[in-house]
Amino acid sequence: MAHIQCGRNVLRRLIKDSTLNSSDSITHPLLFGGQGLRYRKLEVILTTSIEKLGKAGETVKVAPGYFRNHLMPKLLAVPNIEKYAYLIREQRKLHQPEEVETVKVVPLTKEDKMKEYLTAAKRLDNARLVLRRLIRVNKDTDSTVHQLQSPVNKDELVAEVARQLCVSIQPENLYLPEPLSSMGTFEVPLLLPRSIPLPEGKLRWTLDVKVRSK
């Protein structure tokens, strides 16, 4: 050990010797190997966020003296070894607050609303809504009366439009003075904004509804 220390001292004196010319300077990397250990940095895990160094839980490299004299005594960092890394991970799971995902709702403009109305109107006008209902039977004559046991009202139509056609409408968007009480095909007028342009040859938007027996 004494020989190694003596060799280091000789290297320091040679490097600091001002009598050497620039052409005689010692530049071979092997001559600096003895001093490399002193300046090698350590990998540590921060337990607290430190400005200009890193956030809590991050792995950073610091000088051994800085870790030994400042970070370690104040428990601001721990060595980057498996057992400390495991403890830091478990501690962060227990004490880290749950991140609440915030969803920013962008309000729709008039143009966007108009496009949605137009898309929904075209889809409803070109589609047919089919409903199946039980019909009444005359037990005395075994004749079938083409009358529904339960009429179809606005709320049922709105629910079936959402289920079959994947379009969301409100009961006030349907003009249905009376519930549908018989089988057949019906054109239910749609009450949509007048600003929506109608197709050529159409006087109003309608929903094609067919009621049939089960």
Foldseek 3Di string as FASTA:
>chain_A
DVVLVVLLVVLVCLQPPPVDDPVRHDDDVVSCVSVVVQFFWFWKAFCAADPPFGHHGDIGTDHPVCCVPPCVVVVRIGGPDDVVNVVSVVVCVVPPDDDDDDDDDDDDDPVRVLVLLLVLLVLQQPDEQEAAAAFDADVVVRHTDQWGPDFAALVNVQVSCCVPVVRHDDSVQWDDPDTHTGFDKDWIFGNDDPPRDDDPPDPGGTGIYGYYYD
